[in-house]
Amino acid sequence: MDYNDKKFKPVSNSDNGEVSNDMIFHYKQTGNILTCSYQGSNIIKGHLIGLVDDNGYINMSYHQINNNGVLMTGTCISKPEKMENGKIRLHEEWQWTSGDQSTGNSILEEL
């Protein structure tokens, strides 16, 4: 699966997450390497880097500075789903590797 130049918007997130509905994730992909810079109402600046496998699953790490000026880090596995309109929905399971190290789930949909 090729994510290059695709944009995704969060449609749901666990309460312990920092992603807000106003964020747009603009993915860049070269080979199986995925990158993205992002920001939003809860995040001053964030980056992710990941690997895309043959089934389109993304194994990524992320780091971000939140509005409190705190550096937060985590890992995430994204599972793609093709929607009826041909766009991609990503089902994400993530875990903070900083702070309370809690886990959560998010759903992103391609714009």
C-alpha atoms as a PDB file:
ATOM      1  CA  MET A   1       0.000   0.000   0.000  1.00  0.00           C
ATOM      2  CA  ASP A   2       1.307   3.429  -0.923  1.00  0.00           C
ATOM      3  CA  TYR A   3       0.604   6.248   1.542  1.00  0.00           C
ATOM      4  CA  ASN A   4       2.730   8.852  -0.251  1.00  0.00           C
ATOM      5  CA  ASP A   5       1.070  12.274  -0.361  1.00  0.00           C
ATOM      6  CA  LYS A   6      -2.115  11.003   1.352  1.00  0.00           C
ATOM      7  CA  LYS A   7      -3.759  13.125   4.044  1.00  0.00           C
ATOM      8  CA  PHE A   8      -5.570  11.691   7.063  1.00  0.00           C
ATOM      9  CA  LYS A   9      -7.834  13.246   9.684  1.00  0.00           C
ATOM     10  CA  PRO A  10      -8.598  11.787  13.129  1.00  0.00           C
ATOM     11  CA  VAL A  11     -12.213  10.692  13.612  1.00  0.00           C
ATOM     12  CA  SER A  12     -11.790   9.153  17.086  1.00  0.00           C
ATOM     13  CA  ASN A  13      -9.162   8.943  19.803  1.00  0.00           C
ATOM     14  CA  SER A  14      -8.865   7.570  23.333  1.00  0.00           C
ATOM     15  CA  ASP A  15      -9.241  10.109  26.154  1.00  0.00           C
ATOM     16  CA  ASN A  16      -5.548   9.764  27.070  1.00  0.00           C
ATOM     17  CA  GLY A  17      -4.413  10.794  23.572  1.00  0.00           C
ATOM     18  CA  GLU A  18      -3.323  14.270  22.472  1.00  0.00           C
ATOM     19  CA  VAL A  19      -4.483  14.161  18.842  1.00  0.00           C
ATOM     20  CA  SER A  20      -7.325  16.576  18.096  1.00  0.00           C
ATOM     21  CA  ASN A  21      -9.901  16.549  15.310  1.00  0.00           C
ATOM     22  CA  ASP A  22      -8.370  19.680  13.724  1.00  0.00           C
ATOM     23  CA  MET A  23      -5.132  17.861  12.842  1.00  0.00           C
ATOM     24  CA  ILE A  24      -4.193  16.770   9.349  1.00  0.00           C
ATOM     25  CA  PHE A  25      -1.522  14.100   8.909  1.00  0.00           C
ATOM     26  CA  HIS A  26       0.177  14.462   5.503  1.00  0.00           C
ATOM     27  CA  TYR A  27       2.125  11.256   4.907  1.00  0.00           C
ATOM     28  CA  LYS A  28       5.233  10.971   2.762  1.00  0.00           C
ATOM     29  CA  GLN A  29       6.492   7.539   1.745  1.00  0.00           C
ATOM     30  CA  THR A  30       9.668   6.432  -0.002  1.00  0.00           C
ATOM     31  CA  GLY A  31       9.925   2.671  -0.449  1.00  0.00           C
ATOM     32  CA  ASN A  32       8.618   1.256   2.818  1.00  0.00           C
ATOM     33  CA  ILE A  33       9.642   4.295   4.927  1.00  0.00           C
ATOM     34  CA  LEU A  34       6.816   6.581   6.066  1.00  0.00           C
ATOM     35  CA  THR A  35       7.269  10.061   7.589  1.00  0.00           C
ATOM     36  CA  CYS A  36       4.969  12.857   8.685  1.00  0.00           C
ATOM     37  CA  SER A  37       5.106  16.211  10.487  1.00  0.00           C
ATOM     38  CA  TYR A  38       1.962  17.382  12.292  1.00  0.00           C
ATOM     39  CA  GLN A  39       0.530  19.964  14.681  1.00  0.00           C
ATOM     40  CA  GLY A  40      -2.841  20.920  16.058  1.00  0.00           C
ATOM     41  CA  SER A  41      -4.682  22.559  18.917  1.00  0.00           C
ATOM     42  CA  ASN A  42      -3.119  20.177  21.493  1.00  0.00           C
ATOM     43  CA  ILE A  43       0.287  19.666  19.842  1.00  0.00           C
ATOM     44  CA  ILE A  44       2.768  22.435  19.026  1.00  0.00           C
ATOM     45  CA  LYS A  45       4.898  20.178  16.797  1.00  0.00           C
ATOM     46  CA  GLY A  46       5.101  16.438  16.158  1.00  0.00           C
ATOM     47  CA  HIS A  47       6.847  13.959  13.881  1.00  0.00           C
ATOM     48  CA  LEU A  48       6.412  10.294  13.117  1.00  0.00           C
ATOM     49  CA  ILE A  49       8.539   7.775  11.284  1.00  0.00           C
ATOM     50  CA  GLY A  50       7.531   4.247  10.421  1.00  0.00           C
ATOM     51  CA  LEU A  51       7.819   1.194   8.247  1.00  0.00           C
ATOM     52  CA  VAL A  52       5.029  -0.049   5.972  1.00  0.00           C
ATOM     53  CA  ASP A  53       4.782  -3.816   5.513  1.00  0.00           C
ATOM     54  CA  ASP A  54       3.441  -5.750   2.500  1.00  0.00           C
ATOM     55  CA  ASN A  55      -0.121  -5.665   3.928  1.00  0.00           C
ATOM     56  CA  GLY A  56      -0.063  -1.892   4.451  1.00  0.00           C
ATOM     57  CA  TYR A  57       0.352  -2.099   8.233  1.00  0.00           C
ATOM     58  CA  ILE A  58       2.426   0.774   9.620  1.00  0.00           C
ATOM     59  CA  ASN A  59       4.787   0.233  12.561  1.00  0.00           C
ATOM     60  CA  MET A  60       5.754   3.713  13.745  1.00  0.00           C
ATOM     61  CA  SER A  61       7.317   5.780  16.484  1.00  0.00           C
ATOM     62  CA  TYR A  62       6.315   9.350  17.209  1.00  0.00           C
ATOM     63  CA  HIS A  63       7.422  12.305  19.306  1.00  0.00           C
ATOM     64  CA  GLN A  64       5.652  15.570  19.930  1.00  0.00           C
ATOM     65  CA  ILE A  65       5.667  18.705  22.083  1.00  0.00           C
ATOM     66  CA  ASN A  66       2.246  19.321  23.637  1.00  0.00           C
ATOM     67  CA  ASN A  67       0.720  22.672  24.644  1.00  0.00           C
ATOM     68  CA  ASN A  68       2.190  22.281  28.131  1.00  0.00           C
ATOM     69  CA  GLY A  69       5.690  22.249  26.599  1.00  0.00           C
ATOM     70  CA  VAL A  70       6.157  18.566  27.454  1.00  0.00           C
ATOM     71  CA  LEU A  71       7.948  16.183  25.091  1.00  0.00           C
ATOM     72  CA  MET A  72       5.834  13.047  24.642  1.00  0.00           C
ATOM     73  CA  THR A  73       6.911   9.883  22.800  1.00  0.00           C
ATOM     74  CA  GLY A  74       5.166   6.707  21.742  1.00  0.00           C
ATOM     75  CA  THR A  75       4.765   3.801  19.373  1.00  0.00           C
ATOM     76  CA  CYS A  76       1.836   2.838  17.166  1.00  0.00           C
ATOM     77  CA  ILE A  77       0.632   0.061  14.886  1.00  0.00           C
ATOM     78  CA  SER A  78      -1.814   1.174  12.169  1.00  0.00           C
ATOM     79  CA  LYS A  79      -3.994  -1.358  10.362  1.00  0.00           C
ATOM     80  CA  PRO A  80      -5.500  -0.162   7.053  1.00  0.00           C
ATOM     81  CA  GLU A  81      -9.073  -0.759   5.950  1.00  0.00           C
ATOM     82  CA  LYS A  82     -10.370   0.110   2.464  1.00  0.00           C
ATOM     83  CA  MET A  83     -13.676   1.928   2.801  1.00  0.00           C
ATOM     84  CA  GLU A  84     -16.514   1.655   0.279  1.00  0.00           C
ATOM     85  CA  ASN A  85     -15.537   5.030  -1.223  1.00  0.00           C
ATOM     86  CA  GLY A  86     -12.022   3.689  -1.977  1.00  0.00           C
ATOM     87  CA  LYS A  87     -10.361   5.773   0.743  1.00  0.00           C
ATOM     88  CA  ILE A  88      -8.282   4.317   3.580  1.00  0.00           C
ATOM     89  CA  ARG A  89      -9.284   4.125   7.229  1.00  0.00           C
ATOM     90  CA  LEU A  90      -6.454   3.467   9.694  1.00  0.00           C
ATOM     91  CA  HIS A  91      -7.201   1.596  12.932  1.00  0.00           C
ATOM     92  CA  GLU A  92      -4.417   2.503  15.357  1.00  0.00           C
ATOM     93  CA  GLU A  93      -3.255   0.898  18.578  1.00  0.00           C
ATOM     94  CA  TRP A  94      -0.699   3.068  20.353  1.00  0.00           C
ATOM     95  CA  GLN A  95       1.246   3.311  23.589  1.00  0.00           C
ATOM     96  CA  TRP A  96       3.023   6.193  25.224  1.00  0.00           C
ATOM     97  CA  THR A  97       6.706   5.467  25.886  1.00  0.00           C
ATOM     98  CA  SER A  98       6.820   8.563  28.118  1.00  0.00           C
ATOM     99  CA  GLY A  99       4.492   9.842  30.814  1.00  0.00           C
ATOM    100  CA  ASP A 100       2.156   7.193  32.190  1.00  0.00           C
ATOM    101  CA  GLN A 101       2.948   4.730  29.360  1.00  0.00           C
ATOM    102  CA  SER A 102      -0.760   4.063  28.884  1.00  0.00           C
ATOM    103  CA  THR A 103      -2.276   2.604  25.723  1.00  0.00           C
ATOM    104  CA  GLY A 104      -5.048   3.818  23.451  1.00  0.00           C
ATOM    105  CA  ASN A 105      -6.805   3.558  20.098  1.00  0.00           C
ATOM    106  CA  SER A 106      -7.369   6.034  17.300  1.00  0.00           C
ATOM    107  CA  ILE A 107      -9.076   5.986  13.925  1.00  0.00           C
ATOM    108  CA  LEU A 108      -7.859   8.156  11.043  1.00  0.00           C
ATOM    109  CA  GLU A 109      -9.594   8.512   7.692  1.00  0.00           C
ATOM    110  CA  GLU A 110      -8.124   9.589   4.392  1.00  0.00           C
ATOM    111  CA  LEU A 111      -9.337  12.960   3.117  1.00  0.00           C
END
